N, C-alpha and C. Protein backbone atom coordinates (compact mmCIF):
# COMPACT_ATOMS: atom_id res chain seq x y z
N MET A 1 9.69 -3.31 -11.85
CA MET A 1 11.00 -2.70 -12.11
C MET A 1 11.04 -1.39 -12.04
N ASN A 2 11.79 -0.70 -11.43
CA ASN A 2 11.96 0.69 -11.23
C ASN A 2 12.63 1.10 -12.81
N PRO A 3 13.11 2.29 -13.36
CA PRO A 3 13.99 2.49 -14.58
C PRO A 3 15.33 2.27 -14.48
N ALA A 4 15.63 1.82 -13.22
CA ALA A 4 17.47 1.36 -13.22
C ALA A 4 17.22 -0.27 -13.35
N GLY A 5 15.74 -0.45 -13.71
CA GLY A 5 15.72 -2.25 -14.00
C GLY A 5 15.96 -3.17 -12.51
N GLU A 6 15.65 -2.34 -11.24
CA GLU A 6 15.61 -3.39 -10.08
C GLU A 6 14.40 -3.10 -9.74
N SER A 7 14.21 -4.61 -8.84
CA SER A 7 12.65 -4.97 -8.80
C SER A 7 12.50 -4.20 -7.64
N ILE A 8 11.06 -4.09 -7.46
CA ILE A 8 10.28 -2.94 -6.30
C ILE A 8 9.46 -3.77 -5.58
N ASP A 9 9.79 -4.28 -4.57
CA ASP A 9 8.62 -4.93 -3.63
C ASP A 9 7.25 -4.28 -2.94
N LEU A 10 6.51 -4.47 -3.39
CA LEU A 10 5.01 -3.83 -3.18
C LEU A 10 3.99 -4.82 -2.47
N THR A 11 3.54 -4.09 -1.12
CA THR A 11 2.42 -4.98 -0.49
C THR A 11 1.32 -5.45 -1.78
N ALA A 12 0.35 -6.36 -1.08
CA ALA A 12 -0.67 -6.93 -2.03
C ALA A 12 -1.69 -5.45 -2.28
N ALA A 13 -1.86 -4.58 -1.25
CA ALA A 13 -2.62 -3.46 -1.57
C ALA A 13 -2.07 -2.36 -2.69
N GLU A 14 -0.76 -2.17 -2.20
CA GLU A 14 0.01 -1.21 -3.26
C GLU A 14 0.05 -1.89 -4.88
N PHE A 15 -0.06 -3.26 -5.01
CA PHE A 15 0.11 -3.98 -6.16
C PHE A 15 -1.38 -3.70 -6.50
N ALA A 16 -2.40 -3.88 -6.09
CA ALA A 16 -3.88 -3.86 -6.55
C ALA A 16 -3.77 -2.34 -6.70
N LEU A 17 -3.41 -1.25 -6.20
CA LEU A 17 -3.88 0.26 -6.44
C LEU A 17 -3.12 0.45 -7.61
N LEU A 18 -1.79 0.01 -7.76
CA LEU A 18 -0.83 0.32 -8.93
C LEU A 18 -1.43 -0.28 -10.48
N GLY A 19 -1.98 -1.47 -10.17
CA GLY A 19 -2.74 -2.09 -11.37
C GLY A 19 -4.27 -1.37 -11.74
N VAL A 20 -4.65 -0.77 -10.80
CA VAL A 20 -6.08 0.27 -11.44
C VAL A 20 -5.35 1.36 -11.87
N LEU A 21 -4.35 1.87 -11.37
CA LEU A 21 -3.92 3.05 -12.03
C LEU A 21 -3.34 3.02 -13.47
N LEU A 22 -2.53 1.74 -13.41
CA LEU A 22 -2.34 1.32 -14.71
C LEU A 22 -2.88 0.86 -15.86
N ASP A 23 -4.23 0.54 -15.43
CA ASP A 23 -5.35 0.05 -16.06
C ASP A 23 -6.27 1.53 -16.80
N HIS A 24 -6.08 2.40 -15.86
CA HIS A 24 -6.67 3.65 -16.31
C HIS A 24 -5.69 5.08 -16.53
N PRO A 25 -4.63 4.83 -17.33
CA PRO A 25 -3.71 5.75 -17.51
C PRO A 25 -4.41 7.49 -18.05
N GLN A 26 -3.75 8.46 -17.23
CA GLN A 26 -4.06 9.44 -17.84
C GLN A 26 -5.55 9.85 -17.31
N ILE A 27 -6.00 9.15 -16.75
CA ILE A 27 -7.54 9.65 -16.23
C ILE A 27 -7.53 9.70 -14.57
N VAL A 28 -8.37 10.55 -14.38
CA VAL A 28 -8.40 11.08 -13.02
C VAL A 28 -9.43 10.13 -12.11
N ILE A 29 -8.88 9.24 -11.17
CA ILE A 29 -9.96 8.41 -10.62
C ILE A 29 -10.16 8.84 -9.27
N ALA A 30 -11.58 8.84 -8.73
CA ALA A 30 -11.45 9.48 -7.52
C ALA A 30 -11.13 8.51 -6.34
N ARG A 31 -10.96 8.99 -5.20
CA ARG A 31 -10.43 8.30 -4.14
C ARG A 31 -11.08 7.08 -3.89
N GLY A 32 -12.82 7.27 -3.62
CA GLY A 32 -13.24 6.21 -3.13
C GLY A 32 -13.52 5.27 -4.28
N ARG A 33 -13.83 5.86 -5.76
CA ARG A 33 -13.67 4.70 -6.72
C ARG A 33 -12.34 3.82 -6.53
N LEU A 34 -11.05 4.27 -6.41
CA LEU A 34 -10.00 3.88 -6.39
C LEU A 34 -9.97 2.58 -5.51
N MET A 35 -10.32 2.95 -4.36
CA MET A 35 -10.48 2.03 -3.13
C MET A 35 -11.51 1.02 -3.45
N GLU A 36 -12.45 1.35 -4.01
CA GLU A 36 -13.50 0.12 -4.46
C GLU A 36 -12.68 -0.73 -5.79
N LEU A 37 -12.01 -0.37 -6.88
CA LEU A 37 -11.44 -0.89 -7.86
C LEU A 37 -10.33 -1.64 -7.31
N ALA A 38 -9.58 -1.00 -6.24
CA ALA A 38 -8.46 -1.78 -5.84
C ALA A 38 -8.80 -3.00 -5.08
N GLY A 39 -9.93 -2.66 -4.19
CA GLY A 39 -10.55 -3.75 -3.13
C GLY A 39 -9.52 -3.61 -1.89
N VAL A 40 -9.23 -2.12 -1.67
CA VAL A 40 -9.12 -1.48 -0.23
C VAL A 40 -10.10 -1.61 0.50
N ARG A 41 -10.08 -1.98 1.67
CA ARG A 41 -10.81 -2.50 2.80
C ARG A 41 -12.35 -1.26 2.59
N ASN A 42 -13.45 -1.59 2.59
CA ASN A 42 -14.40 -0.89 2.67
C ASN A 42 -14.58 -0.03 3.92
N ALA A 43 -14.45 1.48 3.52
CA ALA A 43 -14.52 2.43 4.43
C ALA A 43 -15.03 3.88 3.92
N PRO A 44 -15.72 4.43 4.61
CA PRO A 44 -15.64 5.90 4.12
C PRO A 44 -15.21 6.82 3.35
N SER A 45 -15.51 7.23 2.26
CA SER A 45 -14.73 8.21 1.47
C SER A 45 -14.07 9.07 2.42
N SER A 46 -14.11 9.34 3.73
CA SER A 46 -13.33 10.53 4.32
C SER A 46 -12.04 9.49 4.88
N ASP A 47 -11.99 8.04 4.55
CA ASP A 47 -10.96 7.52 4.96
C ASP A 47 -9.55 7.96 4.47
N ARG A 48 -8.48 7.87 5.02
CA ARG A 48 -7.25 7.84 4.35
C ARG A 48 -6.31 7.04 4.06
N SER A 49 -6.86 6.01 4.09
CA SER A 49 -5.97 4.82 3.76
C SER A 49 -5.43 4.54 2.12
N ILE A 50 -6.13 5.14 1.69
CA ILE A 50 -5.77 5.37 0.09
C ILE A 50 -4.83 6.26 -0.10
N ASP A 51 -4.64 7.49 0.63
CA ASP A 51 -3.77 8.31 0.53
C ASP A 51 -2.12 7.79 1.09
N VAL A 52 -2.23 7.16 2.20
CA VAL A 52 -1.00 6.23 2.76
C VAL A 52 -0.86 5.36 1.48
N LEU A 53 -1.31 4.61 0.77
CA LEU A 53 -0.85 3.39 0.07
C LEU A 53 -0.24 4.45 -1.19
N ILE A 54 -1.05 5.67 -1.78
CA ILE A 54 -0.48 6.43 -3.05
C ILE A 54 0.83 7.03 -2.58
N SER A 55 1.10 7.16 -0.90
CA SER A 55 2.21 8.00 -0.63
C SER A 55 3.27 6.72 -0.68
N ARG A 56 3.27 5.45 -0.35
CA ARG A 56 4.14 4.63 -0.37
C ARG A 56 4.41 4.34 -1.61
N LEU A 57 3.42 4.45 -2.93
CA LEU A 57 3.71 3.91 -4.11
C LEU A 57 4.82 4.78 -4.59
N ARG A 58 4.38 6.51 -4.50
CA ARG A 58 5.02 7.26 -4.89
C ARG A 58 6.38 7.08 -4.77
N ARG A 59 6.78 6.89 -3.22
CA ARG A 59 8.16 6.85 -2.76
C ARG A 59 8.75 5.73 -3.38
N LYS A 60 8.38 4.59 -3.49
CA LYS A 60 8.76 3.29 -4.14
C LYS A 60 9.03 3.45 -5.61
N LEU A 61 8.31 4.29 -6.39
CA LEU A 61 8.34 4.76 -8.15
C LEU A 61 9.08 5.36 -8.36
N ARG A 62 9.52 6.40 -7.23
CA ARG A 62 10.38 7.85 -7.74
C ARG A 62 11.72 6.97 -7.87
N HIS A 63 12.34 7.87 -8.84
CA HIS A 63 13.60 7.40 -9.45
C HIS A 63 14.63 8.60 -9.34
N GLY A 64 15.60 8.88 -8.50
CA GLY A 64 16.65 9.76 -8.44
C GLY A 64 15.74 11.39 -8.04
N SER A 65 15.83 12.20 -8.74
CA SER A 65 14.93 13.47 -8.63
C SER A 65 13.89 13.36 -9.30
N GLU A 66 13.38 12.54 -10.02
CA GLU A 66 12.28 12.45 -10.81
C GLU A 66 11.15 12.02 -9.93
N PRO A 67 10.07 12.98 -9.88
CA PRO A 67 8.71 12.44 -9.18
C PRO A 67 8.13 11.02 -9.45
N ALA A 68 7.38 10.32 -8.99
CA ALA A 68 6.77 9.33 -9.62
C ALA A 68 5.51 9.76 -10.18
N PRO A 69 5.17 8.82 -11.31
CA PRO A 69 4.05 9.18 -12.07
C PRO A 69 2.59 9.34 -11.49
N ILE A 70 2.58 9.46 -10.27
CA ILE A 70 1.29 9.65 -9.55
C ILE A 70 0.82 10.96 -9.12
N VAL A 71 0.26 11.78 -9.85
CA VAL A 71 -0.81 12.95 -9.67
C VAL A 71 -1.92 13.21 -8.91
N THR A 72 -1.74 14.32 -7.89
CA THR A 72 -3.05 14.50 -7.28
C THR A 72 -3.82 15.29 -7.74
N VAL A 73 -5.10 14.99 -7.80
CA VAL A 73 -5.93 16.20 -8.62
C VAL A 73 -6.60 16.60 -7.54
N ARG A 74 -6.63 17.61 -7.06
CA ARG A 74 -7.20 18.26 -5.64
C ARG A 74 -8.47 18.28 -5.73
N ARG A 75 -9.12 17.58 -4.78
CA ARG A 75 -10.67 17.63 -4.57
C ARG A 75 -11.33 16.60 -5.32
N VAL A 76 -10.45 15.95 -6.05
CA VAL A 76 -11.18 15.07 -6.67
C VAL A 76 -10.63 13.27 -6.85
N GLY A 77 -9.11 13.36 -7.14
CA GLY A 77 -8.64 11.82 -6.67
C GLY A 77 -7.16 12.00 -7.34
N TYR A 78 -6.54 10.83 -7.94
CA TYR A 78 -5.36 10.53 -8.51
C TYR A 78 -5.27 10.16 -9.63
N MET A 79 -4.34 10.50 -10.35
CA MET A 79 -4.17 9.97 -11.94
C MET A 79 -2.67 9.57 -12.26
N PHE A 80 -2.55 8.45 -12.83
CA PHE A 80 -1.29 7.95 -13.26
C PHE A 80 -0.90 8.84 -14.59
N SER A 81 -0.05 9.44 -14.43
CA SER A 81 0.22 10.54 -15.46
C SER A 81 1.01 10.37 -16.68
N SER A 82 1.44 9.27 -16.51
CA SER A 82 2.39 8.56 -17.81
C SER A 82 1.91 7.99 -18.75
N ALA A 83 2.08 7.92 -20.09
CA ALA A 83 1.37 6.59 -20.97
C ALA A 83 1.84 5.40 -20.38
N VAL A 84 1.05 4.48 -20.78
CA VAL A 84 1.04 2.91 -20.53
C VAL A 84 1.28 2.17 -22.15
N GLU A 85 2.14 1.51 -22.20
CA GLU A 85 2.16 0.62 -23.29
C GLU A 85 2.22 -0.70 -22.76
N ARG A 86 1.03 -1.42 -23.51
CA ARG A 86 0.77 -2.97 -22.97
C ARG A 86 1.68 -3.94 -24.12
N ARG A 87 2.29 -4.74 -23.68
CA ARG A 87 2.83 -5.95 -24.68
C ARG A 87 2.22 -6.96 -24.79
């Protein structure tokens, strides 16, 4: 759900990627490792499929003028920048 309490439709790949990011909050994960952990098809690290998935997730997780909590760390990978609380 988004901050407004509305459901967000995710593809299986987006869901898997978000799960990996939420399991490793505030930790930078290399693109190749993200692909591996999320089960995104095996491809060379130069493959941009992970970038497309991140872009889609950001668009779906953005709320109003607030950006999605997924940060690009140039030349390294991506990070979920918010703290995650498990219940």
